[in-house]
Amino acid sequence: MAKPLVVSIPHNLGQAEAMRRLHGGMSGLKSQFGDKVASIDETWDGNRMDFRVGAMGQNVSGHLEVMQDQVRVEVQLPWILAMVAEKAKGFIQKQGTLLLEKK
């Protein structure tokens, strides 16, 4: 199995506000990228969200942990997507930052 892709997204919102902004954020991605995303499931337990995304015939799973000053995202990419891990890292960083910036 490939090494997980880990992305840290810094913020200055505090944990509670960052969590508020991220709740339901995955469904927003579904509406934004609906033609490429088949399914999105997210489950929250405290400050941790476990997620599973079906995209481009592949399943991607992972979790994120919301901390006081950052969000740490860990994603298990299937081997076919692991080849583009650096692009995926940039995409996760950008989308996470956009979700946190929304009021």
PDB file of N, CA and C in Angstrom:
ATOM      1  N   MET A   1       0.841  -1.183   0.000  1.00  0.00           N
ATOM      2  CA  MET A   1       0.000   0.000   0.000  1.00  0.00           C
ATOM      3  C   MET A   1       0.887   1.248   0.000  1.00  0.00           C
ATOM      4  N   ALA A   2       0.462   2.248  -0.710  1.00  0.00           N
ATOM      5  CA  ALA A   2       1.219   3.495  -0.813  1.00  0.00           C
ATOM      6  C   ALA A   2       1.187   4.253   0.507  1.00  0.00           C
ATOM      7  N   LYS A   3       2.218   5.042   0.711  1.00  0.00           N
ATOM      8  CA  LYS A   3       2.287   5.902   1.881  1.00  0.00           C
ATOM      9  C   LYS A   3       1.160   6.942   1.801  1.00  0.00           C
ATOM     10  N   PRO A   4       0.508   7.269   2.916  1.00  0.00           N
ATOM     11  CA  PRO A   4      -0.578   8.247   2.853  1.00  0.00           C
ATOM     12  C   PRO A   4      -0.049   9.632   2.478  1.00  0.00           C
ATOM     13  N   LEU A   5      -0.896  10.378   1.810  1.00  0.00           N
ATOM     14  CA  LEU A   5      -0.600  11.763   1.467  1.00  0.00           C
ATOM     15  C   LEU A   5      -1.058  12.621   2.636  1.00  0.00           C
ATOM     16  N   VAL A   6      -0.159  13.417   3.190  1.00  0.00           N
ATOM     17  CA  VAL A   6      -0.481  14.243   4.349  1.00  0.00           C
ATOM     18  C   VAL A   6      -0.331  15.709   3.960  1.00  0.00           C
ATOM     19  N   VAL A   7      -1.373  16.507   4.252  1.00  0.00           N
ATOM     20  CA  VAL A   7      -1.372  17.930   3.948  1.00  0.00           C
ATOM     21  C   VAL A   7      -1.766  18.683   5.212  1.00  0.00           C
ATOM     22  N   SER A   8      -0.995  19.707   5.560  1.00  0.00           N
ATOM     23  CA  SER A   8      -1.352  20.582   6.681  1.00  0.00           C
ATOM     24  C   SER A   8      -1.787  21.926   6.116  1.00  0.00           C
ATOM     25  N   ILE A   9      -2.950  22.381   6.559  1.00  0.00           N
ATOM     26  CA  ILE A   9      -3.502  23.650   6.097  1.00  0.00           C
ATOM     27  C   ILE A   9      -3.576  24.584   7.300  1.00  0.00           C
ATOM     28  N   PRO A  10      -2.700  25.578   7.363  1.00  0.00           N
ATOM     29  CA  PRO A  10      -2.713  26.492   8.500  1.00  0.00           C
ATOM     30  C   PRO A  10      -3.916  27.437   8.457  1.00  0.00           C
ATOM     31  N   HIS A  11      -4.355  27.851   9.630  1.00  0.00           N
ATOM     32  CA  HIS A  11      -5.433  28.845   9.729  1.00  0.00           C
ATOM     33  C   HIS A  11      -5.284  29.585  11.045  1.00  0.00           C
ATOM     34  N   ASN A  12      -5.985  30.685  11.177  1.00  0.00           N
ATOM     35  CA  ASN A  12      -5.976  31.437  12.434  1.00  0.00           C
ATOM     36  C   ASN A  12      -7.395  31.644  12.948  1.00  0.00           C
ATOM     37  N   LEU A  13      -8.251  30.652  12.719  1.00  0.00           N
ATOM     38  CA  LEU A  13      -9.667  30.743  13.065  1.00  0.00           C
ATOM     39  C   LEU A  13      -9.995  30.190  14.444  1.00  0.00           C
ATOM     40  N   GLY A  14      -9.121  29.405  15.006  1.00  0.00           N
ATOM     41  CA  GLY A  14      -9.471  28.642  16.202  1.00  0.00           C
ATOM     42  C   GLY A  14     -10.174  27.369  15.771  1.00  0.00           C
ATOM     43  N   GLN A  15     -10.160  26.381  16.647  1.00  0.00           N
ATOM     44  CA  GLN A  15     -10.701  25.074  16.297  1.00  0.00           C
ATOM     45  C   GLN A  15     -12.198  25.101  16.014  1.00  0.00           C
ATOM     46  N   ALA A  16     -12.986  25.748  16.863  1.00  0.00           N
ATOM     47  CA  ALA A  16     -14.447  25.731  16.714  1.00  0.00           C
ATOM     48  C   ALA A  16     -14.883  26.382  15.402  1.00  0.00           C
ATOM     49  N   GLU A  17     -14.320  27.523  15.058  1.00  0.00           N
ATOM     50  CA  GLU A  17     -14.713  28.216  13.828  1.00  0.00           C
ATOM     51  C   GLU A  17     -14.253  27.439  12.595  1.00  0.00           C
ATOM     52  N   ALA A  18     -13.066  26.869  12.638  1.00  0.00           N
ATOM     53  CA  ALA A  18     -12.587  26.065  11.507  1.00  0.00           C
ATOM     54  C   ALA A  18     -13.509  24.865  11.294  1.00  0.00           C
ATOM     55  N   MET A  19     -13.929  24.214  12.373  1.00  0.00           N
ATOM     56  CA  MET A  19     -14.840  23.074  12.246  1.00  0.00           C
ATOM     57  C   MET A  19     -16.178  23.519  11.665  1.00  0.00           C
ATOM     58  N   ARG A  20     -16.681  24.650  12.109  1.00  0.00           N
ATOM     59  CA  ARG A  20     -17.959  25.163  11.594  1.00  0.00           C
ATOM     60  C   ARG A  20     -17.879  25.362  10.083  1.00  0.00           C
ATOM     61  N   ARG A  21     -16.772  25.914   9.618  1.00  0.00           N
ATOM     62  CA  ARG A  21     -16.621  26.185   8.193  1.00  0.00           C
ATOM     63  C   ARG A  21     -16.423  24.917   7.369  1.00  0.00           C
ATOM     64  N   LEU A  22     -15.861  23.894   7.976  1.00  0.00           N
ATOM     65  CA  LEU A  22     -15.605  22.654   7.251  1.00  0.00           C
ATOM     66  C   LEU A  22     -16.795  21.703   7.225  1.00  0.00           C
ATOM     67  N   HIS A  23     -17.701  21.817   8.224  1.00  0.00           N
ATOM     68  CA  HIS A  23     -18.868  20.921   8.261  1.00  0.00           C
ATOM     69  C   HIS A  23     -19.656  21.070   6.972  1.00  0.00           C
ATOM     70  N   GLY A  24     -19.905  19.963   6.321  1.00  0.00           N
ATOM     71  CA  GLY A  24     -20.661  19.973   5.072  1.00  0.00           C
ATOM     72  C   GLY A  24     -19.845  20.409   3.872  1.00  0.00           C
ATOM     73  N   GLY A  25     -18.585  20.694   4.079  1.00  0.00           N
ATOM     74  CA  GLY A  25     -17.739  21.166   2.986  1.00  0.00           C
ATOM     75  C   GLY A  25     -17.537  20.157   1.882  1.00  0.00           C
ATOM     76  N   MET A  26     -17.535  18.888   2.229  1.00  0.00           N
ATOM     77  CA  MET A  26     -17.345  17.857   1.219  1.00  0.00           C
ATOM     78  C   MET A  26     -18.531  17.836   0.251  1.00  0.00           C
ATOM     79  N   SER A  27     -19.743  18.076   0.756  1.00  0.00           N
ATOM     80  CA  SER A  27     -20.895  18.111  -0.148  1.00  0.00           C
ATOM     81  C   SER A  27     -20.807  19.308  -1.088  1.00  0.00           C
ATOM     82  N   GLY A  28     -20.183  20.396  -0.634  1.00  0.00           N
ATOM     83  CA  GLY A  28     -19.951  21.537  -1.511  1.00  0.00           C
ATOM     84  C   GLY A  28     -19.015  21.178  -2.647  1.00  0.00           C
ATOM     85  N   LEU A  29     -18.038  20.328  -2.362  1.00  0.00           N
ATOM     86  CA  LEU A  29     -17.133  19.868  -3.413  1.00  0.00           C
ATOM     87  C   LEU A  29     -17.883  19.024  -4.433  1.00  0.00           C
ATOM     88  N   LYS A  30     -18.864  18.245  -3.955  1.00  0.00           N
ATOM     89  CA  LYS A  30     -19.657  17.413  -4.868  1.00  0.00           C
ATOM     90  C   LYS A  30     -20.411  18.296  -5.856  1.00  0.00           C
ATOM     91  N   SER A  31     -20.985  19.403  -5.378  1.00  0.00           N
ATOM     92  CA  SER A  31     -21.710  20.273  -6.289  1.00  0.00           C
ATOM     93  C   SER A  31     -20.752  20.997  -7.231  1.00  0.00           C
ATOM     94  N   GLN A  32     -19.544  21.301  -6.775  1.00  0.00           N
ATOM     95  CA  GLN A  32     -18.563  21.999  -7.591  1.00  0.00           C
ATOM     96  C   GLN A  32     -17.942  21.079  -8.643  1.00  0.00           C
ATOM     97  N   PHE A  33     -17.671  19.830  -8.272  1.00  0.00           N
ATOM     98  CA  PHE A  33     -17.002  18.888  -9.166  1.00  0.00           C
ATOM     99  C   PHE A  33     -17.880  17.689  -9.475  1.00  0.00           C
ATOM    100  N   GLY A  34     -19.193  17.885  -9.511  1.00  0.00           N
ATOM    101  CA  GLY A  34     -20.153  16.802  -9.666  1.00  0.00           C
ATOM    102  C   GLY A  34     -19.922  15.897 -10.854  1.00  0.00           C
ATOM    103  N   ASP A  35     -19.398  16.441 -11.948  1.00  0.00           N
ATOM    104  CA  ASP A  35     -19.182  15.616 -13.123  1.00  0.00           C
ATOM    105  C   ASP A  35     -18.023  14.640 -12.945  1.00  0.00           C
ATOM    106  N   LYS A  36     -17.142  14.887 -11.975  1.00  0.00           N
ATOM    107  CA  LYS A  36     -15.980  14.025 -11.746  1.00  0.00           C
ATOM    108  C   LYS A  36     -16.116  13.185 -10.474  1.00  0.00           C
ATOM    109  N   VAL A  37     -17.042  13.574  -9.595  1.00  0.00           N
ATOM    110  CA  VAL A  37     -17.185  12.915  -8.294  1.00  0.00           C
ATOM    111  C   VAL A  37     -18.488  12.123  -8.271  1.00  0.00           C
ATOM    112  N   ALA A  38     -18.377  10.823  -8.055  1.00  0.00           N
ATOM    113  CA  ALA A  38     -19.554   9.963  -8.028  1.00  0.00           C
ATOM    114  C   ALA A  38     -20.230   9.963  -6.661  1.00  0.00           C
ATOM    115  N   SER A  39     -19.425   9.950  -5.597  1.00  0.00           N
ATOM    116  CA  SER A  39     -20.000   9.888  -4.249  1.00  0.00           C
ATOM    117  C   SER A  39     -19.048  10.505  -3.240  1.00  0.00           C
ATOM    118  N   ILE A  40     -19.636  11.071  -2.190  1.00  0.00           N
ATOM    119  CA  ILE A  40     -18.861  11.623  -1.083  1.00  0.00           C
ATOM    120  C   ILE A  40     -19.584  11.281   0.212  1.00  0.00           C
ATOM    121  N   ASP A  41     -18.854  10.694   1.144  1.00  0.00           N
ATOM    122  CA  ASP A  41     -19.393  10.419   2.481  1.00  0.00           C
ATOM    123  C   ASP A  41     -18.466  11.056   3.497  1.00  0.00           C
ATOM    124  N   GLU A  42     -19.035  11.734   4.480  1.00  0.00           N
ATOM    125  CA  GLU A  42     -18.235  12.295   5.566  1.00  0.00           C
ATOM    126  C   GLU A  42     -18.912  11.991   6.892  1.00  0.00           C
ATOM    127  N   THR A  43     -18.105  11.652   7.884  1.00  0.00           N
ATOM    128  CA  THR A  43     -18.594  11.347   9.220  1.00  0.00           C
ATOM    129  C   THR A  43     -17.716  12.071  10.225  1.00  0.00           C
ATOM    130  N   TRP A  44     -18.332  12.861  11.087  1.00  0.00           N
ATOM    131  CA  TRP A  44     -17.595  13.616  12.108  1.00  0.00           C
ATOM    132  C   TRP A  44     -17.652  12.897  13.449  1.00  0.00           C
ATOM    133  N   ASP A  45     -16.541  12.910  14.151  1.00  0.00           N
ATOM    134  CA  ASP A  45     -16.444  12.427  15.528  1.00  0.00           C
ATOM    135  C   ASP A  45     -15.543  13.416  16.258  1.00  0.00           C
ATOM    136  N   GLY A  46     -16.159  14.351  16.970  1.00  0.00           N
ATOM    137  CA  GLY A  46     -15.390  15.401  17.636  1.00  0.00           C
ATOM    138  C   GLY A  46     -14.749  16.307  16.596  1.00  0.00           C
ATOM    139  N   ASN A  47     -13.422  16.451  16.669  1.00  0.00           N
ATOM    140  CA  ASN A  47     -12.720  17.312  15.728  1.00  0.00           C
ATOM    141  C   ASN A  47     -12.128  16.539  14.546  1.00  0.00           C
ATOM    142  N   ARG A  48     -12.565  15.304  14.367  1.00  0.00           N
ATOM    143  CA  ARG A  48     -12.051  14.459  13.277  1.00  0.00           C
ATOM    144  C   ARG A  48     -13.182  14.129  12.305  1.00  0.00           C
ATOM    145  N   MET A  49     -12.872  14.244  11.022  1.00  0.00           N
ATOM    146  CA  MET A  49     -13.813  13.862   9.989  1.00  0.00           C
ATOM    147  C   MET A  49     -13.184  12.748   9.155  1.00  0.00           C
ATOM    148  N   ASP A  50     -13.884  11.617   9.062  1.00  0.00           N
ATOM    149  CA  ASP A  50     -13.484  10.537   8.166  1.00  0.00           C
ATOM    150  C   ASP A  50     -14.268  10.723   6.879  1.00  0.00           C
ATOM    151  N   PHE A  51     -13.612  10.506   5.751  1.00  0.00           N
ATOM    152  CA  PHE A  51     -14.297  10.692   4.479  1.00  0.00           C
ATOM    153  C   PHE A  51     -13.915   9.610   3.479  1.00  0.00           C
ATOM    154  N   ARG A  52     -14.817   9.434   2.517  1.00  0.00           N
ATOM    155  CA  ARG A  52     -14.604   8.523   1.394  1.00  0.00           C
ATOM    156  C   ARG A  52     -15.166   9.224   0.165  1.00  0.00           C
ATOM    157  N   VAL A  53     -14.364   9.262  -0.890  1.00  0.00           N
ATOM    158  CA  VAL A  53     -14.757   9.925  -2.125  1.00  0.00           C
ATOM    159  C   VAL A  53     -14.595   8.938  -3.276  1.00  0.00           C
ATOM    160  N   GLY A  54     -15.627   8.814  -4.090  1.00  0.00           N
ATOM    161  CA  GLY A  54     -15.551   8.025  -5.311  1.00  0.00           C
ATOM    162  C   GLY A  54     -15.390   8.994  -6.471  1.00  0.00           C
ATOM    163  N   ALA A  55     -14.261   8.910  -7.156  1.00  0.00           N
ATOM    164  CA  ALA A  55     -13.986   9.841  -8.253  1.00  0.00           C
ATOM    165  C   ALA A  55     -13.206   9.141  -9.357  1.00  0.00           C
ATOM    166  N   MET A  56     -13.610   9.378 -10.581  1.00  0.00           N
ATOM    167  CA  MET A  56     -12.907   8.857 -11.751  1.00  0.00           C
ATOM    168  C   MET A  56     -12.685   7.349 -11.654  1.00  0.00           C
ATOM    169  N   GLY A  57     -13.696   6.635 -11.163  1.00  0.00           N
ATOM    170  CA  GLY A  57     -13.604   5.187 -11.058  1.00  0.00           C
ATOM    171  C   GLY A  57     -12.725   4.681  -9.930  1.00  0.00           C
ATOM    172  N   GLN A  58     -12.264   5.564  -9.063  1.00  0.00           N
ATOM    173  CA  GLN A  58     -11.396   5.196  -7.948  1.00  0.00           C
ATOM    174  C   GLN A  58     -12.065   5.603  -6.632  1.00  0.00           C
ATOM    175  N   ASN A  59     -11.711   4.921  -5.554  1.00  0.00           N
ATOM    176  CA  ASN A  59     -12.168   5.296  -4.221  1.00  0.00           C
ATOM    177  C   ASN A  59     -10.994   5.842  -3.428  1.00  0.00           C
ATOM    178  N   VAL A  60     -11.204   6.995  -2.837  1.00  0.00           N
ATOM    179  CA  VAL A  60     -10.185   7.653  -2.028  1.00  0.00           C
ATOM    180  C   VAL A  60     -10.763   7.795  -0.634  1.00  0.00           C
ATOM    181  N   SER A  61      -9.988   7.406   0.375  1.00  0.00           N
ATOM    182  CA  SER A  61     -10.467   7.555   1.751  1.00  0.00           C
ATOM    183  C   SER A  61      -9.407   8.281   2.565  1.00  0.00           C
ATOM    184  N   GLY A  62      -9.854   8.833   3.673  1.00  0.00           N
ATOM    185  CA  GLY A  62      -8.917   9.520   4.548  1.00  0.00           C
ATOM    186  C   GLY A  62      -9.637  10.165   5.710  1.00  0.00           C
ATOM    187  N   HIS A  63      -8.929  11.025   6.378  1.00  0.00           N
ATOM    188  CA  HIS A  63      -9.519  11.753   7.490  1.00  0.00           C
ATOM    189  C   HIS A  63      -8.824  13.104   7.629  1.00  0.00           C
ATOM    190  N   LEU A  64      -9.509  13.986   8.313  1.00  0.00           N
ATOM    191  CA  LEU A  64      -8.881  15.253   8.660  1.00  0.00           C
ATOM    192  C   LEU A  64      -9.093  15.509  10.136  1.00  0.00           C
ATOM    193  N   GLU A  65      -8.145  16.208  10.718  1.00  0.00           N
ATOM    194  CA  GLU A  65      -8.217  16.566  12.131  1.00  0.00           C
ATOM    195  C   GLU A  65      -8.085  18.078  12.225  1.00  0.00           C
ATOM    196  N   VAL A  66      -9.083  18.697  12.851  1.00  0.00           N
ATOM    197  CA  VAL A  66      -9.089  20.152  13.002  1.00  0.00           C
ATOM    198  C   VAL A  66      -8.428  20.496  14.324  1.00  0.00           C
ATOM    199  N   MET A  67      -7.363  21.278  14.235  1.00  0.00           N
ATOM    200  CA  MET A  67      -6.651  21.729  15.423  1.00  0.00           C
ATOM    201  C   MET A  67      -6.812  23.245  15.560  1.00  0.00           C
ATOM    202  N   GLN A  68      -6.295  23.791  16.618  1.00  0.00           N
ATOM    203  CA  GLN A  68      -6.445  25.203  16.918  1.00  0.00           C
ATOM    204  C   GLN A  68      -5.909  26.100  15.797  1.00  0.00           C
ATOM    205  N   ASP A  69      -4.801  25.701  15.160  1.00  0.00           N
ATOM    206  CA  ASP A  69      -4.155  26.570  14.171  1.00  0.00           C
ATOM    207  C   ASP A  69      -3.892  25.894  12.828  1.00  0.00           C
ATOM    208  N   GLN A  70      -4.376  24.678  12.644  1.00  0.00           N
ATOM    209  CA  GLN A  70      -4.191  23.983  11.368  1.00  0.00           C
ATOM    210  C   GLN A  70      -5.198  22.857  11.219  1.00  0.00           C
ATOM    211  N   VAL A  71      -5.376  22.442   9.977  1.00  0.00           N
ATOM    212  CA  VAL A  71      -6.152  21.250   9.663  1.00  0.00           C
ATOM    213  C   VAL A  71      -5.175  20.267   9.033  1.00  0.00           C
ATOM    214  N   ARG A  72      -5.114  19.073   9.596  1.00  0.00           N
ATOM    215  CA  ARG A  72      -4.214  18.040   9.070  1.00  0.00           C
ATOM    216  C   ARG A  72      -5.066  17.024   8.329  1.00  0.00           C
ATOM    217  N   VAL A  73      -4.775  16.875   7.042  1.00  0.00           N
ATOM    218  CA  VAL A  73      -5.522  15.971   6.175  1.00  0.00           C
ATOM    219  C   VAL A  73      -4.621  14.797   5.809  1.00  0.00           C
ATOM    220  N   GLU A  74      -5.126  13.592   5.966  1.00  0.00           N
ATOM    221  CA  GLU A  74      -4.395  12.391   5.579  1.00  0.00           C
ATOM    222  C   GLU A  74      -5.272  11.595   4.614  1.00  0.00           C
ATOM    223  N   VAL A  75      -4.734  11.321   3.428  1.00  0.00           N
ATOM    224  CA  VAL A  75      -5.500  10.666   2.371  1.00  0.00           C
ATOM    225  C   VAL A  75      -4.767   9.412   1.913  1.00  0.00           C
ATOM    226  N   GLN A  76      -5.511   8.326   1.798  1.00  0.00           N
ATOM    227  CA  GLN A  76      -4.990   7.082   1.234  1.00  0.00           C
ATOM    228  C   GLN A  76      -5.367   7.072  -0.244  1.00  0.00           C
ATOM    229  N   LEU A  77      -4.374   7.234  -1.105  1.00  0.00           N
ATOM    230  CA  LEU A  77      -4.627   7.238  -2.541  1.00  0.00           C
ATOM    231  C   LEU A  77      -4.415   5.845  -3.119  1.00  0.00           C
ATOM    232  N   PRO A  78      -5.296   5.403  -4.022  1.00  0.00           N
ATOM    233  CA  PRO A  78      -5.029   4.159  -4.728  1.00  0.00           C
ATOM    234  C   PRO A  78      -3.757   4.331  -5.567  1.00  0.00           C
ATOM    235  N   TRP A  79      -3.092   3.254  -5.867  1.00  0.00           N
ATOM    236  CA  TRP A  79      -1.796   3.353  -6.535  1.00  0.00           C
ATOM    237  C   TRP A  79      -1.852   4.162  -7.818  1.00  0.00           C
ATOM    238  N   ILE A  80      -2.955   4.067  -8.555  1.00  0.00           N
ATOM    239  CA  ILE A  80      -3.055   4.795  -9.822  1.00  0.00           C
ATOM    240  C   ILE A  80      -3.043   6.305  -9.590  1.00  0.00           C
ATOM    241  N   LEU A  81      -3.634   6.748  -8.492  1.00  0.00           N
ATOM    242  CA  LEU A  81      -3.643   8.183  -8.176  1.00  0.00           C
ATOM    243  C   LEU A  81      -2.397   8.605  -7.403  1.00  0.00           C
ATOM    244  N   ALA A  82      -1.733   7.649  -6.777  1.00  0.00           N
ATOM    245  CA  ALA A  82      -0.511   7.975  -6.038  1.00  0.00           C
ATOM    246  C   ALA A  82       0.562   8.537  -6.967  1.00  0.00           C
ATOM    247  N   MET A  83       0.468   8.198  -8.232  1.00  0.00           N
ATOM    248  CA  MET A  83       1.440   8.708  -9.205  1.00  0.00           C
ATOM    249  C   MET A  83       1.319  10.217  -9.395  1.00  0.00           C
ATOM    250  N   VAL A  84       0.171  10.781  -9.073  1.00  0.00           N
ATOM    251  CA  VAL A  84      -0.030  12.230  -9.203  1.00  0.00           C
ATOM    252  C   VAL A  84      -0.207  12.867  -7.824  1.00  0.00           C
ATOM    253  N   ALA A  85       0.471  12.308  -6.838  1.00  0.00           N
ATOM    254  CA  ALA A  85       0.300  12.740  -5.448  1.00  0.00           C
ATOM    255  C   ALA A  85       0.621  14.222  -5.254  1.00  0.00           C
ATOM    256  N   GLU A  86       1.649  14.740  -5.912  1.00  0.00           N
ATOM    257  CA  GLU A  86       1.999  16.148  -5.729  1.00  0.00           C
ATOM    258  C   GLU A  86       0.898  17.076  -6.239  1.00  0.00           C
ATOM    259  N   LYS A  87       0.280  16.716  -7.353  1.00  0.00           N
ATOM    260  CA  LYS A  87      -0.852  17.504  -7.860  1.00  0.00           C
ATOM    261  C   LYS A  87      -2.019  17.402  -6.889  1.00  0.00           C
ATOM    262  N   ALA A  88      -2.246  16.208  -6.370  1.00  0.00           N
ATOM    263  CA  ALA A  88      -3.336  16.013  -5.413  1.00  0.00           C
ATOM    264  C   ALA A  88      -3.093  16.843  -4.161  1.00  0.00           C
ATOM    265  N   LYS A  89      -1.850  16.901  -3.720  1.00  0.00           N
ATOM    266  CA  LYS A  89      -1.509  17.679  -2.525  1.00  0.00           C
ATOM    267  C   LYS A  89      -1.844  19.154  -2.741  1.00  0.00           C
ATOM    268  N   GLY A  90      -1.484  19.687  -3.889  1.00  0.00           N
ATOM    269  CA  GLY A  90      -1.793  21.079  -4.209  1.00  0.00           C
ATOM    270  C   GLY A  90      -3.291  21.329  -4.261  1.00  0.00           C
ATOM    271  N   PHE A  91      -4.028  20.379  -4.837  1.00  0.00           N
ATOM    272  CA  PHE A  91      -5.479  20.499  -4.930  1.00  0.00           C
ATOM    273  C   PHE A  91      -6.118  20.502  -3.541  1.00  0.00           C
ATOM    274  N   ILE A  92      -5.681  19.590  -2.680  1.00  0.00           N
ATOM    275  CA  ILE A  92      -6.216  19.508  -1.315  1.00  0.00           C
ATOM    276  C   ILE A  92      -5.915  20.796  -0.560  1.00  0.00           C
ATOM    277  N   GLN A  93      -4.693  21.292  -0.684  1.00  0.00           N
ATOM    278  CA  GLN A  93      -4.295  22.539  -0.016  1.00  0.00           C
ATOM    279  C   GLN A  93      -5.191  23.690  -0.471  1.00  0.00           C
ATOM    280  N   LYS A  94      -5.399  23.812  -1.773  1.00  0.00           N
ATOM    281  CA  LYS A  94      -6.199  24.907  -2.320  1.00  0.00           C
ATOM    282  C   LYS A  94      -7.656  24.815  -1.882  1.00  0.00           C
ATOM    283  N   GLN A  95      -8.262  23.639  -2.023  1.00  0.00           N
ATOM    284  CA  GLN A  95      -9.672  23.481  -1.665  1.00  0.00           C
ATOM    285  C   GLN A  95      -9.892  23.642  -0.164  1.00  0.00           C
ATOM    286  N   GLY A  96      -8.970  23.117   0.637  1.00  0.00           N
ATOM    287  CA  GLY A  96      -9.086  23.288   2.090  1.00  0.00           C
ATOM    288  C   GLY A  96      -8.999  24.746   2.491  1.00  0.00           C
ATOM    289  N   THR A  97      -8.090  25.476   1.885  1.00  0.00           N
ATOM    290  CA  THR A  97      -7.940  26.905   2.184  1.00  0.00           C
ATOM    291  C   THR A  97      -9.214  27.652   1.775  1.00  0.00           C
ATOM    292  N   LEU A  98      -9.769  27.326   0.614  1.00  0.00           N
ATOM    293  CA  LEU A  98     -11.008  27.976   0.183  1.00  0.00           C
ATOM    294  C   LEU A  98     -12.162  27.697   1.146  1.00  0.00           C
ATOM    295  N   LEU A  99     -12.276  26.455   1.622  1.00  0.00           N
ATOM    296  CA  LEU A  99     -13.341  26.121   2.572  1.00  0.00           C
ATOM    297  C   LEU A  99     -13.180  26.899   3.879  1.00  0.00           C
ATOM    298  N   LEU A 100     -11.948  27.053   4.335  1.00  0.00           N
ATOM    299  CA  LEU A 100     -11.711  27.770   5.579  1.00  0.00           C
ATOM    300  C   LEU A 100     -11.928  29.273   5.422  1.00  0.00           C
ATOM    301  N   GLU A 101     -11.716  29.811   4.231  1.00  0.00           N
ATOM    302  CA  GLU A 101     -11.883  31.238   4.020  1.00  0.00           C
ATOM    303  C   GLU A 101     -13.332  31.647   3.919  1.00  0.00           C
ATOM    304  N   LYS A 102     -14.220  30.720   3.562  1.00  0.00           N
ATOM    305  CA  LYS A 102     -15.652  31.039   3.454  1.00  0.00           C
ATOM    306  C   LYS A 102     -16.185  31.417   4.827  1.00  0.00           C
ATOM    307  N   LYS A 103     -17.042  32.393   4.848  1.00  0.00           N
ATOM    308  CA  LYS A 103     -17.627  32.861   6.113  1.00  0.00           C
ATOM    309  C   LYS A 103     -18.824  32.039   6.496  1.00  0.00           C
TER     310      LYS A 103
END
